[in-house]
N, C-alpha and C. Protein backbone atom coordinates (compact mmCIF):
# COMPACT_ATOMS: atom_id res chain seq x y z
N MET A 1 -41.73 -0.53 4.64
CA MET A 1 -41.05 -1.57 3.90
C MET A 1 -40.04 -0.98 2.92
N VAL A 2 -40.44 0.09 2.25
CA VAL A 2 -39.55 0.73 1.28
C VAL A 2 -38.32 1.28 1.99
N PHE A 3 -38.50 1.86 3.16
CA PHE A 3 -37.38 2.39 3.92
C PHE A 3 -36.37 1.31 4.27
N ILE A 4 -36.85 0.15 4.68
CA ILE A 4 -35.97 -0.97 5.04
C ILE A 4 -35.19 -1.44 3.81
N MET A 5 -35.87 -1.51 2.66
CA MET A 5 -35.20 -1.95 1.44
C MET A 5 -34.13 -0.94 1.03
N LYS A 6 -34.42 0.35 1.16
CA LYS A 6 -33.43 1.38 0.82
C LYS A 6 -32.24 1.29 1.76
N ALA A 7 -32.48 1.08 3.03
CA ALA A 7 -31.40 0.98 4.01
C ALA A 7 -30.52 -0.23 3.72
N LEU A 8 -31.11 -1.35 3.39
CA LEU A 8 -30.35 -2.55 3.05
C LEU A 8 -29.54 -2.34 1.77
N PHE A 9 -30.13 -1.68 0.79
CA PHE A 9 -29.44 -1.39 -0.46
C PHE A 9 -28.24 -0.49 -0.21
N MET A 10 -28.40 0.54 0.59
CA MET A 10 -27.30 1.47 0.90
C MET A 10 -26.19 0.75 1.67
N ALA A 11 -26.56 -0.12 2.58
CA ALA A 11 -25.56 -0.89 3.33
C ALA A 11 -24.77 -1.81 2.39
N ALA A 12 -25.46 -2.42 1.44
CA ALA A 12 -24.79 -3.30 0.48
C ALA A 12 -23.84 -2.49 -0.41
N LEU A 13 -24.26 -1.33 -0.84
CA LEU A 13 -23.38 -0.47 -1.65
C LEU A 13 -22.15 -0.04 -0.88
N LEU A 14 -22.33 0.33 0.35
CA LEU A 14 -21.22 0.75 1.19
C LEU A 14 -20.23 -0.40 1.39
N ALA A 15 -20.72 -1.58 1.66
CA ALA A 15 -19.85 -2.74 1.85
C ALA A 15 -19.10 -3.07 0.57
N ALA A 16 -19.77 -3.00 -0.57
CA ALA A 16 -19.14 -3.30 -1.86
C ALA A 16 -18.06 -2.28 -2.19
N SER A 17 -18.33 -1.01 -1.94
CA SER A 17 -17.33 0.01 -2.26
C SER A 17 -16.12 -0.12 -1.35
N PHE A 18 -16.32 -0.46 -0.08
CA PHE A 18 -15.20 -0.65 0.84
C PHE A 18 -14.35 -1.83 0.41
N THR A 19 -14.97 -2.92 0.03
CA THR A 19 -14.25 -4.11 -0.39
C THR A 19 -13.48 -3.85 -1.68
N ALA A 20 -14.10 -3.19 -2.65
CA ALA A 20 -13.44 -2.92 -3.92
C ALA A 20 -12.26 -1.97 -3.75
N SER A 21 -12.41 -0.95 -2.94
CA SER A 21 -11.33 0.02 -2.80
C SER A 21 -10.15 -0.52 -2.00
N ASN A 22 -10.38 -1.56 -1.21
CA ASN A 22 -9.31 -2.10 -0.40
C ASN A 22 -8.81 -3.47 -0.86
N ALA A 23 -9.30 -3.94 -1.99
CA ALA A 23 -8.96 -5.28 -2.45
C ALA A 23 -7.46 -5.46 -2.64
N PHE A 24 -6.79 -4.48 -3.21
CA PHE A 24 -5.35 -4.59 -3.44
C PHE A 24 -4.61 -3.46 -2.76
N ALA A 25 -5.17 -2.91 -1.71
CA ALA A 25 -4.58 -1.74 -1.09
C ALA A 25 -3.88 -2.07 0.22
N VAL A 26 -3.58 -3.33 0.44
CA VAL A 26 -2.93 -3.73 1.68
C VAL A 26 -1.47 -4.01 1.40
N CYS A 27 -0.61 -3.48 2.22
CA CYS A 27 0.82 -3.72 2.07
C CYS A 27 1.19 -4.89 2.98
N ASP A 28 1.14 -6.10 2.42
CA ASP A 28 1.46 -7.30 3.19
C ASP A 28 1.99 -8.37 2.25
N LYS A 29 1.95 -9.61 2.65
CA LYS A 29 2.51 -10.69 1.84
C LYS A 29 1.81 -10.88 0.50
N THR A 30 0.62 -10.29 0.33
CA THR A 30 -0.09 -10.39 -0.95
C THR A 30 0.34 -9.31 -1.93
N THR A 31 1.15 -8.34 -1.50
CA THR A 31 1.57 -7.24 -2.36
C THR A 31 2.61 -7.73 -3.37
N THR A 32 2.39 -7.38 -4.62
CA THR A 32 3.32 -7.74 -5.68
C THR A 32 3.72 -6.47 -6.44
N LYS A 33 4.63 -6.60 -7.37
CA LYS A 33 5.02 -5.46 -8.20
C LYS A 33 3.83 -4.94 -9.00
N ASP A 34 2.86 -5.80 -9.30
CA ASP A 34 1.69 -5.40 -10.08
C ASP A 34 0.71 -4.54 -9.29
N ASN A 35 0.61 -4.74 -7.99
CA ASN A 35 -0.37 -3.98 -7.21
C ASN A 35 0.28 -3.07 -6.17
N VAL A 36 1.57 -2.81 -6.29
CA VAL A 36 2.26 -2.01 -5.29
C VAL A 36 1.81 -0.54 -5.31
N ALA A 37 1.36 -0.02 -6.44
CA ALA A 37 0.89 1.37 -6.49
C ALA A 37 -0.32 1.57 -5.58
N ALA A 38 -1.24 0.62 -5.58
CA ALA A 38 -2.41 0.70 -4.70
C ALA A 38 -1.98 0.59 -3.24
N ALA A 39 -1.00 -0.27 -2.97
CA ALA A 39 -0.51 -0.41 -1.60
C ALA A 39 0.18 0.87 -1.15
N ASP A 40 0.94 1.52 -2.04
CA ASP A 40 1.57 2.80 -1.70
C ASP A 40 0.52 3.84 -1.33
N THR A 41 -0.56 3.88 -2.09
CA THR A 41 -1.65 4.83 -1.82
C THR A 41 -2.26 4.56 -0.45
N ALA A 42 -2.48 3.29 -0.13
CA ALA A 42 -3.06 2.93 1.17
C ALA A 42 -2.11 3.32 2.30
N CYS A 43 -0.82 3.07 2.13
CA CYS A 43 0.15 3.44 3.16
C CYS A 43 0.18 4.95 3.37
N ASP A 44 0.15 5.71 2.26
CA ASP A 44 0.19 7.16 2.34
C ASP A 44 -1.06 7.71 3.03
N LYS A 45 -2.21 7.07 2.78
CA LYS A 45 -3.44 7.50 3.44
C LYS A 45 -3.38 7.21 4.93
N ALA A 46 -2.78 6.08 5.30
CA ALA A 46 -2.68 5.71 6.71
C ALA A 46 -1.74 6.66 7.45
N LYS A 47 -0.63 6.99 6.84
CA LYS A 47 0.34 7.91 7.45
C LYS A 47 1.04 8.64 6.32
N LYS A 48 0.83 9.93 6.23
CA LYS A 48 1.33 10.74 5.11
C LYS A 48 2.82 10.51 4.88
N GLY A 49 3.16 10.18 3.63
CA GLY A 49 4.55 10.00 3.25
C GLY A 49 5.05 8.57 3.28
N ASP A 50 4.28 7.66 3.89
CA ASP A 50 4.71 6.26 3.94
C ASP A 50 4.52 5.58 2.58
N VAL A 51 5.34 4.59 2.34
CA VAL A 51 5.26 3.78 1.12
C VAL A 51 5.28 2.31 1.52
N CYS A 52 4.93 1.44 0.58
CA CYS A 52 4.96 0.01 0.82
C CYS A 52 6.37 -0.49 0.53
N ILE A 53 7.03 -1.03 1.54
CA ILE A 53 8.41 -1.48 1.41
C ILE A 53 8.41 -2.98 1.15
N LEU A 54 8.64 -3.34 -0.12
CA LEU A 54 8.63 -4.74 -0.53
C LEU A 54 9.83 -5.51 0.00
N ALA A 55 10.92 -4.82 0.35
CA ALA A 55 12.12 -5.49 0.83
C ALA A 55 11.93 -6.07 2.23
N ASN A 56 10.92 -5.59 2.96
CA ASN A 56 10.62 -6.16 4.27
C ASN A 56 9.90 -7.49 4.09
N THR A 57 10.06 -8.40 5.04
CA THR A 57 9.36 -9.69 4.99
C THR A 57 8.46 -9.80 6.21
N PRO A 58 7.15 -9.75 6.07
CA PRO A 58 6.40 -9.45 4.86
C PRO A 58 6.48 -7.95 4.54
N PRO A 59 6.13 -7.54 3.31
CA PRO A 59 6.13 -6.12 2.98
C PRO A 59 5.28 -5.35 3.98
N SER A 60 5.71 -4.12 4.29
CA SER A 60 4.97 -3.31 5.26
C SER A 60 5.11 -1.84 4.92
N CYS A 61 4.20 -1.04 5.48
CA CYS A 61 4.25 0.41 5.29
C CYS A 61 5.38 0.98 6.13
N GLY A 62 6.02 2.00 5.59
CA GLY A 62 7.06 2.68 6.34
C GLY A 62 7.52 3.92 5.63
N ALA A 63 8.25 4.74 6.36
CA ALA A 63 8.82 5.96 5.77
C ALA A 63 9.94 5.56 4.81
N PRO A 64 10.18 6.36 3.77
CA PRO A 64 11.30 6.07 2.88
C PRO A 64 12.60 5.94 3.67
N GLY A 65 13.43 4.97 3.27
CA GLY A 65 14.64 4.64 4.03
C GLY A 65 15.82 5.56 3.79
N ALA A 66 16.68 5.62 4.79
CA ALA A 66 17.92 6.38 4.70
C ALA A 66 18.96 5.57 3.93
N LYS A 67 20.14 6.10 3.80
CA LYS A 67 21.21 5.42 3.10
C LYS A 67 21.45 4.04 3.71
N ASP A 68 21.65 3.05 2.85
CA ASP A 68 21.92 1.65 3.20
C ASP A 68 20.70 0.88 3.71
N ALA A 69 19.51 1.48 3.69
CA ALA A 69 18.30 0.76 4.08
C ALA A 69 17.95 -0.24 2.97
N ALA A 70 17.29 -1.33 3.32
CA ALA A 70 16.89 -2.34 2.33
C ALA A 70 15.87 -1.74 1.36
N CYS A 71 16.04 -2.06 0.08
CA CYS A 71 15.11 -1.55 -0.92
C CYS A 71 15.04 -2.48 -2.12
N LYS A 72 13.94 -2.33 -2.86
CA LYS A 72 13.79 -3.04 -4.13
C LYS A 72 13.40 -2.07 -5.24
N ARG A 73 13.09 -0.82 -4.86
CA ARG A 73 12.70 0.19 -5.85
C ARG A 73 13.02 1.58 -5.33
N ASP A 74 13.22 2.52 -6.26
CA ASP A 74 13.66 3.87 -5.92
C ASP A 74 12.72 4.60 -4.96
N LYS A 75 11.43 4.40 -5.10
CA LYS A 75 10.45 5.16 -4.32
C LYS A 75 10.60 5.00 -2.81
N VAL A 76 11.14 3.89 -2.36
CA VAL A 76 11.22 3.65 -0.91
C VAL A 76 12.47 4.25 -0.27
N CYS A 77 13.31 4.88 -1.06
CA CYS A 77 14.52 5.52 -0.53
C CYS A 77 14.31 7.02 -0.42
N ALA A 78 14.78 7.61 0.69
CA ALA A 78 14.66 9.05 0.87
C ALA A 78 15.39 9.79 -0.25
N SER A 79 16.48 9.22 -0.75
CA SER A 79 17.25 9.84 -1.82
C SER A 79 16.59 9.65 -3.18
N GLY A 80 15.63 8.71 -3.27
CA GLY A 80 14.99 8.41 -4.53
C GLY A 80 15.80 7.47 -5.41
N LYS A 81 16.88 6.90 -4.85
CA LYS A 81 17.76 6.01 -5.61
C LYS A 81 17.99 4.71 -4.85
N CYS A 82 17.67 3.58 -5.49
CA CYS A 82 17.89 2.26 -4.92
C CYS A 82 18.88 1.52 -5.81
N ASP A 83 19.97 1.02 -5.23
CA ASP A 83 20.91 0.19 -5.97
C ASP A 83 20.34 -1.23 -5.97
N THR A 84 19.77 -1.63 -7.10
CA THR A 84 19.09 -2.93 -7.16
C THR A 84 20.06 -4.11 -7.08
N LYS A 85 21.34 -3.87 -7.36
CA LYS A 85 22.32 -4.95 -7.26
C LYS A 85 22.60 -5.31 -5.81
N THR A 86 22.70 -4.30 -4.95
CA THR A 86 22.97 -4.55 -3.53
C THR A 86 21.69 -4.49 -2.68
N SER A 87 20.59 -4.04 -3.29
CA SER A 87 19.31 -3.84 -2.58
C SER A 87 19.46 -2.89 -1.40
N LYS A 88 20.19 -1.81 -1.62
CA LYS A 88 20.41 -0.79 -0.58
C LYS A 88 20.11 0.59 -1.14
N CYS A 89 19.55 1.46 -0.29
CA CYS A 89 19.32 2.84 -0.66
C CYS A 89 20.66 3.57 -0.78
N LEU A 90 20.76 4.41 -1.79
CA LEU A 90 21.98 5.21 -1.98
C LEU A 90 21.86 6.54 -1.29
């Protein structure tokens, strides 16, 4: 009986930790400027170097963009510079 209770407890802990670590780590329509850092981390873990691109509809993981790619922030541009007026990578 004790073994079964320990196994159930461990399964519950595992499920809770998975849910908590992924609650805001998805790069999709729920991603906002407030939780984009967690989404960037999730994208990078899925494929090294990827970031969450908010300029896509819906936002999605992808490699930093080349010149003239759609952007809303510097991190998503290969150059590290986003012209926020034109929403294009420099």
